[in-house]
Amino acid sequence: MKPTNLATERRGIVLFGHGSRDPLWRQPIEAVATQIKQDAPDLAVQCAYLELCQPDLGSSVQALLDLGVNTITILPMFLGVGKHAREDLPKLLQELRLQHPHIGFFLRPAIGEHPAMVALMARLALA
């Protein structure tokens, strides 16, 4: 990966979920994307899904690249870290890094592992 010139850095984020045949399943992830767009309008945001619905990760990354993004953060929208987060996503990410060596890719931990998310879920359970 080439170093990114901070003056020309254009960041993007992919919210990466499992996917489902049920179109209603996508609503919470898409709501997060909408909120990010409201809070940070200069940040390009895409949703992507591992299986059963579109867009897939490669398509979402390409959409960001088409916008001129050169630094992409992938946030797994998983509460638990199973095979998809541990094995499937790193393989997909490695393929993307090989296809786009000039792009900075960063993989964040699954959202369910973040201490703020754990605390929020506990507060919601106690409410």
N, C-alpha and C. Protein backbone atom coordinates (compact mmCIF):
# COMPACT_ATOMS: atom_id res chain seq x y z
N MET A 1 0.84 -1.18 0.00
CA MET A 1 0.00 0.00 0.00
C MET A 1 0.88 1.23 0.00
N LYS A 2 0.61 2.17 -0.90
CA LYS A 2 1.35 3.42 -0.96
C LYS A 2 0.86 4.34 0.14
N PRO A 3 1.76 5.16 0.71
CA PRO A 3 1.30 6.13 1.70
C PRO A 3 0.31 7.10 1.06
N THR A 4 -0.69 7.46 1.82
CA THR A 4 -1.70 8.39 1.34
C THR A 4 -1.30 9.80 1.71
N ASN A 5 -1.34 10.70 0.76
CA ASN A 5 -1.10 12.11 1.02
C ASN A 5 -2.33 12.64 1.75
N LEU A 6 -2.14 13.10 2.99
CA LEU A 6 -3.28 13.53 3.79
C LEU A 6 -4.03 14.69 3.14
N ALA A 7 -3.33 15.50 2.34
CA ALA A 7 -4.00 16.62 1.68
C ALA A 7 -4.98 16.13 0.62
N THR A 8 -4.75 14.95 0.07
CA THR A 8 -5.63 14.43 -0.97
C THR A 8 -6.41 13.20 -0.50
N GLU A 9 -6.37 12.94 0.79
CA GLU A 9 -7.08 11.77 1.30
C GLU A 9 -8.59 11.97 1.17
N ARG A 10 -9.24 10.98 0.65
CA ARG A 10 -10.71 10.95 0.58
C ARG A 10 -11.13 9.65 1.21
N ARG A 11 -11.80 9.77 2.36
CA ARG A 11 -12.16 8.59 3.15
C ARG A 11 -13.55 8.08 2.80
N GLY A 12 -13.68 6.78 2.97
CA GLY A 12 -14.96 6.13 2.82
C GLY A 12 -15.09 5.01 3.83
N ILE A 13 -16.31 4.61 4.06
CA ILE A 13 -16.58 3.53 5.00
C ILE A 13 -17.59 2.57 4.38
N VAL A 14 -17.37 1.29 4.64
CA VAL A 14 -18.31 0.25 4.24
C VAL A 14 -18.86 -0.39 5.51
N LEU A 15 -20.17 -0.36 5.65
CA LEU A 15 -20.84 -1.09 6.72
C LEU A 15 -21.14 -2.47 6.17
N PHE A 16 -20.48 -3.47 6.73
CA PHE A 16 -20.52 -4.82 6.17
C PHE A 16 -21.36 -5.74 7.03
N GLY A 17 -22.45 -6.25 6.46
CA GLY A 17 -23.34 -7.15 7.18
C GLY A 17 -23.41 -8.51 6.53
N HIS A 18 -24.07 -9.43 7.21
CA HIS A 18 -24.20 -10.80 6.72
C HIS A 18 -25.06 -10.86 5.47
N GLY A 19 -26.24 -10.29 5.55
CA GLY A 19 -27.19 -10.36 4.44
C GLY A 19 -28.33 -11.29 4.76
N SER A 20 -29.45 -11.08 4.06
CA SER A 20 -30.65 -11.89 4.27
C SER A 20 -31.52 -11.79 3.02
N ARG A 21 -32.34 -12.79 2.81
CA ARG A 21 -33.31 -12.73 1.72
C ARG A 21 -34.43 -11.74 2.04
N ASP A 22 -34.65 -11.48 3.31
CA ASP A 22 -35.71 -10.57 3.76
C ASP A 22 -35.22 -9.13 3.61
N PRO A 23 -35.83 -8.33 2.74
CA PRO A 23 -35.35 -6.96 2.53
C PRO A 23 -35.47 -6.08 3.78
N LEU A 24 -36.35 -6.41 4.69
CA LEU A 24 -36.47 -5.62 5.92
C LEU A 24 -35.26 -5.76 6.83
N TRP A 25 -34.53 -6.87 6.68
CA TRP A 25 -33.35 -7.12 7.51
C TRP A 25 -32.31 -6.01 7.33
N ARG A 26 -32.23 -5.42 6.14
CA ARG A 26 -31.22 -4.41 5.82
C ARG A 26 -31.49 -3.06 6.48
N GLN A 27 -32.69 -2.81 6.89
CA GLN A 27 -33.07 -1.48 7.37
C GLN A 27 -32.18 -0.92 8.48
N PRO A 28 -31.83 -1.69 9.51
CA PRO A 28 -30.99 -1.10 10.56
C PRO A 28 -29.60 -0.69 10.05
N ILE A 29 -29.01 -1.48 9.18
CA ILE A 29 -27.68 -1.13 8.65
C ILE A 29 -27.79 0.09 7.76
N GLU A 30 -28.82 0.14 6.94
CA GLU A 30 -29.01 1.30 6.09
C GLU A 30 -29.34 2.55 6.90
N ALA A 31 -30.00 2.38 8.04
CA ALA A 31 -30.28 3.52 8.93
C ALA A 31 -28.97 4.07 9.51
N VAL A 32 -28.04 3.18 9.83
CA VAL A 32 -26.73 3.64 10.31
C VAL A 32 -26.02 4.43 9.21
N ALA A 33 -26.08 3.93 7.98
CA ALA A 33 -25.46 4.65 6.85
C ALA A 33 -26.09 6.04 6.68
N THR A 34 -27.40 6.12 6.79
CA THR A 34 -28.09 7.41 6.68
C THR A 34 -27.64 8.36 7.78
N GLN A 35 -27.51 7.85 8.99
CA GLN A 35 -27.09 8.69 10.11
C GLN A 35 -25.66 9.19 9.90
N ILE A 36 -24.78 8.31 9.41
CA ILE A 36 -23.40 8.72 9.14
C ILE A 36 -23.39 9.83 8.09
N LYS A 37 -24.18 9.70 7.05
CA LYS A 37 -24.24 10.72 6.00
C LYS A 37 -24.72 12.06 6.55
N GLN A 38 -25.64 12.01 7.51
CA GLN A 38 -26.11 13.26 8.14
C GLN A 38 -25.03 13.86 9.03
N ASP A 39 -24.35 13.01 9.79
CA ASP A 39 -23.35 13.49 10.75
C ASP A 39 -22.03 13.89 10.09
N ALA A 40 -21.68 13.24 9.00
CA ALA A 40 -20.39 13.47 8.32
C ALA A 40 -20.61 13.47 6.81
N PRO A 41 -21.20 14.54 6.28
CA PRO A 41 -21.57 14.54 4.86
C PRO A 41 -20.39 14.40 3.89
N ASP A 42 -19.19 14.68 4.34
CA ASP A 42 -18.02 14.54 3.46
C ASP A 42 -17.48 13.11 3.41
N LEU A 43 -17.98 12.25 4.27
CA LEU A 43 -17.54 10.86 4.31
C LEU A 43 -18.43 10.01 3.41
N ALA A 44 -17.82 9.33 2.45
CA ALA A 44 -18.58 8.45 1.56
C ALA A 44 -18.91 7.16 2.30
N VAL A 45 -20.16 6.72 2.22
CA VAL A 45 -20.63 5.55 2.95
C VAL A 45 -21.34 4.59 2.01
N GLN A 46 -21.04 3.32 2.16
CA GLN A 46 -21.72 2.26 1.41
C GLN A 46 -22.05 1.12 2.38
N CYS A 47 -23.12 0.42 2.09
CA CYS A 47 -23.43 -0.83 2.78
C CYS A 47 -23.01 -1.97 1.86
N ALA A 48 -22.62 -3.09 2.46
CA ALA A 48 -22.26 -4.28 1.68
C ALA A 48 -22.68 -5.50 2.48
N TYR A 49 -22.91 -6.59 1.75
CA TYR A 49 -23.40 -7.81 2.39
C TYR A 49 -22.63 -9.01 1.90
N LEU A 50 -22.41 -9.94 2.80
CA LEU A 50 -21.65 -11.14 2.49
C LEU A 50 -22.41 -12.07 1.55
N GLU A 51 -23.69 -12.24 1.81
CA GLU A 51 -24.46 -13.18 1.00
C GLU A 51 -25.94 -12.83 1.04
N LEU A 52 -26.68 -13.40 0.13
CA LEU A 52 -28.13 -13.36 0.06
C LEU A 52 -28.73 -12.04 -0.39
N CYS A 53 -27.94 -10.98 -0.49
CA CYS A 53 -28.44 -9.71 -1.02
C CYS A 53 -27.27 -8.89 -1.53
N GLN A 54 -27.61 -7.85 -2.23
CA GLN A 54 -26.62 -6.98 -2.86
C GLN A 54 -26.69 -5.60 -2.23
N PRO A 55 -25.62 -4.84 -2.32
CA PRO A 55 -24.37 -5.09 -3.03
C PRO A 55 -23.40 -5.92 -2.20
N ASP A 56 -22.50 -6.61 -2.89
CA ASP A 56 -21.45 -7.34 -2.19
C ASP A 56 -20.31 -6.38 -1.88
N LEU A 57 -19.30 -6.85 -1.17
CA LEU A 57 -18.21 -5.99 -0.72
C LEU A 57 -17.46 -5.38 -1.91
N GLY A 58 -17.16 -6.19 -2.91
CA GLY A 58 -16.43 -5.69 -4.06
C GLY A 58 -17.17 -4.57 -4.78
N SER A 59 -18.48 -4.72 -4.94
CA SER A 59 -19.29 -3.68 -5.59
C SER A 59 -19.32 -2.40 -4.77
N SER A 60 -19.44 -2.53 -3.47
CA SER A 60 -19.46 -1.34 -2.60
C SER A 60 -18.11 -0.63 -2.61
N VAL A 61 -17.04 -1.40 -2.60
CA VAL A 61 -15.71 -0.79 -2.68
C VAL A 61 -15.56 -0.07 -4.02
N GLN A 62 -16.00 -0.69 -5.09
CA GLN A 62 -15.89 -0.05 -6.41
C GLN A 62 -16.69 1.25 -6.44
N ALA A 63 -17.86 1.27 -5.83
CA ALA A 63 -18.67 2.50 -5.78
C ALA A 63 -17.91 3.61 -5.06
N LEU A 64 -17.19 3.25 -3.98
CA LEU A 64 -16.38 4.25 -3.28
C LEU A 64 -15.21 4.71 -4.14
N LEU A 65 -14.56 3.78 -4.81
CA LEU A 65 -13.44 4.14 -5.69
C LEU A 65 -13.92 5.08 -6.80
N ASP A 66 -15.10 4.83 -7.32
CA ASP A 66 -15.66 5.69 -8.37
C ASP A 66 -15.89 7.11 -7.88
N LEU A 67 -16.03 7.28 -6.56
CA LEU A 67 -16.19 8.61 -5.96
C LEU A 67 -14.85 9.27 -5.64
N GLY A 68 -13.76 8.56 -5.92
CA GLY A 68 -12.44 9.11 -5.64
C GLY A 68 -11.91 8.80 -4.26
N VAL A 69 -12.54 7.87 -3.57
CA VAL A 69 -12.08 7.47 -2.24
C VAL A 69 -10.76 6.72 -2.37
N ASN A 70 -9.81 7.02 -1.46
CA ASN A 70 -8.53 6.30 -1.48
C ASN A 70 -8.17 5.68 -0.14
N THR A 71 -9.05 5.83 0.84
CA THR A 71 -8.89 5.19 2.14
C THR A 71 -10.24 4.64 2.55
N ILE A 72 -10.31 3.33 2.73
CA ILE A 72 -11.60 2.68 3.02
C ILE A 72 -11.52 1.91 4.33
N THR A 73 -12.44 2.23 5.22
CA THR A 73 -12.60 1.50 6.47
C THR A 73 -13.79 0.56 6.34
N ILE A 74 -13.58 -0.68 6.73
CA ILE A 74 -14.67 -1.66 6.70
C ILE A 74 -15.07 -1.96 8.13
N LEU A 75 -16.33 -1.72 8.43
CA LEU A 75 -16.86 -1.95 9.78
C LEU A 75 -17.82 -3.13 9.73
N PRO A 76 -17.41 -4.29 10.28
CA PRO A 76 -18.33 -5.44 10.32
C PRO A 76 -19.49 -5.17 11.29
N MET A 77 -20.68 -5.24 10.79
CA MET A 77 -21.88 -4.97 11.58
C MET A 77 -22.39 -6.28 12.19
N PHE A 78 -21.49 -6.98 12.87
CA PHE A 78 -21.80 -8.24 13.52
C PHE A 78 -21.76 -8.05 15.02
N LEU A 79 -22.73 -8.62 15.73
CA LEU A 79 -22.69 -8.58 17.19
C LEU A 79 -21.70 -9.60 17.73
N GLY A 80 -21.65 -10.75 17.11
CA GLY A 80 -20.71 -11.79 17.52
C GLY A 80 -19.68 -12.02 16.43
N VAL A 81 -18.56 -12.56 16.82
CA VAL A 81 -17.48 -12.81 15.87
C VAL A 81 -17.45 -14.30 15.57
N GLY A 82 -18.07 -14.66 14.47
CA GLY A 82 -18.08 -16.04 14.03
C GLY A 82 -17.19 -16.22 12.83
N LYS A 83 -17.43 -17.28 12.11
CA LYS A 83 -16.61 -17.64 10.96
C LYS A 83 -16.57 -16.53 9.90
N HIS A 84 -17.70 -15.85 9.69
CA HIS A 84 -17.74 -14.81 8.66
C HIS A 84 -16.76 -13.68 9.00
N ALA A 85 -16.78 -13.24 10.23
CA ALA A 85 -15.90 -12.13 10.63
C ALA A 85 -14.44 -12.59 10.79
N ARG A 86 -14.25 -13.80 11.27
CA ARG A 86 -12.89 -14.32 11.52
C ARG A 86 -12.19 -14.80 10.26
N GLU A 87 -12.94 -15.41 9.33
CA GLU A 87 -12.31 -16.05 8.18
C GLU A 87 -12.73 -15.46 6.84
N ASP A 88 -14.04 -15.36 6.60
CA ASP A 88 -14.51 -14.93 5.29
C ASP A 88 -14.13 -13.49 4.96
N LEU A 89 -14.39 -12.57 5.89
CA LEU A 89 -14.10 -11.17 5.63
C LEU A 89 -12.60 -10.91 5.43
N PRO A 90 -11.71 -11.45 6.25
CA PRO A 90 -10.28 -11.23 5.97
C PRO A 90 -9.83 -11.74 4.60
N LYS A 91 -10.41 -12.84 4.13
CA LYS A 91 -10.08 -13.34 2.78
C LYS A 91 -10.56 -12.35 1.71
N LEU A 92 -11.77 -11.86 1.86
CA LEU A 92 -12.29 -10.88 0.91
C LEU A 92 -11.44 -9.61 0.92
N LEU A 93 -11.04 -9.20 2.10
CA LEU A 93 -10.22 -8.00 2.22
C LEU A 93 -8.85 -8.19 1.57
N GLN A 94 -8.26 -9.36 1.74
CA GLN A 94 -6.98 -9.64 1.11
C GLN A 94 -7.10 -9.56 -0.41
N GLU A 95 -8.17 -10.08 -0.97
CA GLU A 95 -8.40 -9.99 -2.41
C GLU A 95 -8.50 -8.54 -2.86
N LEU A 96 -9.22 -7.72 -2.07
CA LEU A 96 -9.36 -6.31 -2.42
C LEU A 96 -8.01 -5.59 -2.37
N ARG A 97 -7.20 -5.91 -1.37
CA ARG A 97 -5.87 -5.29 -1.27
C ARG A 97 -5.00 -5.65 -2.47
N LEU A 98 -5.12 -6.88 -2.95
CA LEU A 98 -4.36 -7.29 -4.13
C LEU A 98 -4.87 -6.59 -5.39
N GLN A 99 -6.17 -6.42 -5.49
CA GLN A 99 -6.77 -5.77 -6.66
C GLN A 99 -6.51 -4.27 -6.69
N HIS A 100 -6.40 -3.67 -5.50
CA HIS A 100 -6.28 -2.21 -5.39
C HIS A 100 -5.13 -1.86 -4.44
N PRO A 101 -3.90 -2.12 -4.84
CA PRO A 101 -2.77 -1.90 -3.92
C PRO A 101 -2.54 -0.44 -3.56
N HIS A 102 -3.09 0.48 -4.31
CA HIS A 102 -2.92 1.91 -4.04
C HIS A 102 -3.94 2.45 -3.04
N ILE A 103 -4.87 1.62 -2.61
CA ILE A 103 -5.93 2.04 -1.68
C ILE A 103 -5.60 1.58 -0.27
N GLY A 104 -5.80 2.45 0.69
CA GLY A 104 -5.63 2.07 2.10
C GLY A 104 -6.90 1.43 2.61
N PHE A 105 -6.81 0.16 2.98
CA PHE A 105 -7.95 -0.56 3.55
C PHE A 105 -7.69 -0.77 5.04
N PHE A 106 -8.70 -0.52 5.84
CA PHE A 106 -8.59 -0.72 7.28
C PHE A 106 -9.81 -1.51 7.75
N LEU A 107 -9.57 -2.58 8.47
CA LEU A 107 -10.64 -3.43 8.98
C LEU A 107 -10.81 -3.18 10.47
N ARG A 108 -11.98 -2.74 10.85
CA ARG A 108 -12.27 -2.49 12.26
C ARG A 108 -12.79 -3.78 12.88
N PRO A 109 -12.72 -3.88 14.20
CA PRO A 109 -13.33 -5.03 14.87
C PRO A 109 -14.85 -5.01 14.69
N ALA A 110 -15.47 -6.18 14.84
CA ALA A 110 -16.93 -6.27 14.74
C ALA A 110 -17.56 -5.32 15.75
N ILE A 111 -18.66 -4.72 15.35
CA ILE A 111 -19.30 -3.69 16.16
C ILE A 111 -19.72 -4.22 17.54
N GLY A 112 -20.06 -5.49 17.62
CA GLY A 112 -20.46 -6.07 18.90
C GLY A 112 -19.32 -6.20 19.89
N GLU A 113 -18.09 -6.05 19.44
CA GLU A 113 -16.93 -6.12 20.33
C GLU A 113 -16.56 -4.76 20.92
N HIS A 114 -17.13 -3.69 20.41
CA HIS A 114 -16.75 -2.36 20.88
C HIS A 114 -17.34 -2.12 22.27
N PRO A 115 -16.52 -1.67 23.22
CA PRO A 115 -17.02 -1.44 24.58
C PRO A 115 -18.22 -0.50 24.64
N ALA A 116 -18.28 0.49 23.78
CA ALA A 116 -19.42 1.41 23.79
C ALA A 116 -20.70 0.69 23.36
N MET A 117 -20.58 -0.25 22.42
CA MET A 117 -21.76 -1.01 21.99
C MET A 117 -22.21 -1.96 23.09
N VAL A 118 -21.28 -2.59 23.75
CA VAL A 118 -21.61 -3.49 24.87
C VAL A 118 -22.33 -2.70 25.96
N ALA A 119 -21.81 -1.52 26.29
CA ALA A 119 -22.44 -0.69 27.32
C ALA A 119 -23.83 -0.23 26.89
N LEU A 120 -23.97 0.16 25.62
CA LEU A 120 -25.28 0.58 25.12
C LEU A 120 -26.30 -0.55 25.18
N MET A 121 -25.88 -1.75 24.77
CA MET A 121 -26.82 -2.89 24.82
C MET A 121 -27.21 -3.21 26.26
N ALA A 122 -26.28 -3.08 27.18
CA ALA A 122 -26.61 -3.32 28.58
C ALA A 122 -27.61 -2.27 29.09
N ARG A 123 -27.38 -1.00 28.71
CA ARG A 123 -28.32 0.06 29.13
C ARG A 123 -29.70 -0.19 28.52
N LEU A 124 -29.75 -0.61 27.28
CA LEU A 124 -31.05 -0.90 26.66
C LEU A 124 -31.75 -2.07 27.35
N ALA A 125 -30.98 -3.07 27.74
CA ALA A 125 -31.57 -4.21 28.44
C ALA A 125 -32.11 -3.81 29.80
N LEU A 126 -31.46 -2.86 30.45
CA LEU A 126 -31.89 -2.43 31.78
C LEU A 126 -32.99 -1.39 31.75
N ALA A 127 -33.25 -0.80 30.61
CA ALA A 127 -34.25 0.28 30.52
C ALA A 127 -35.66 -0.25 30.73
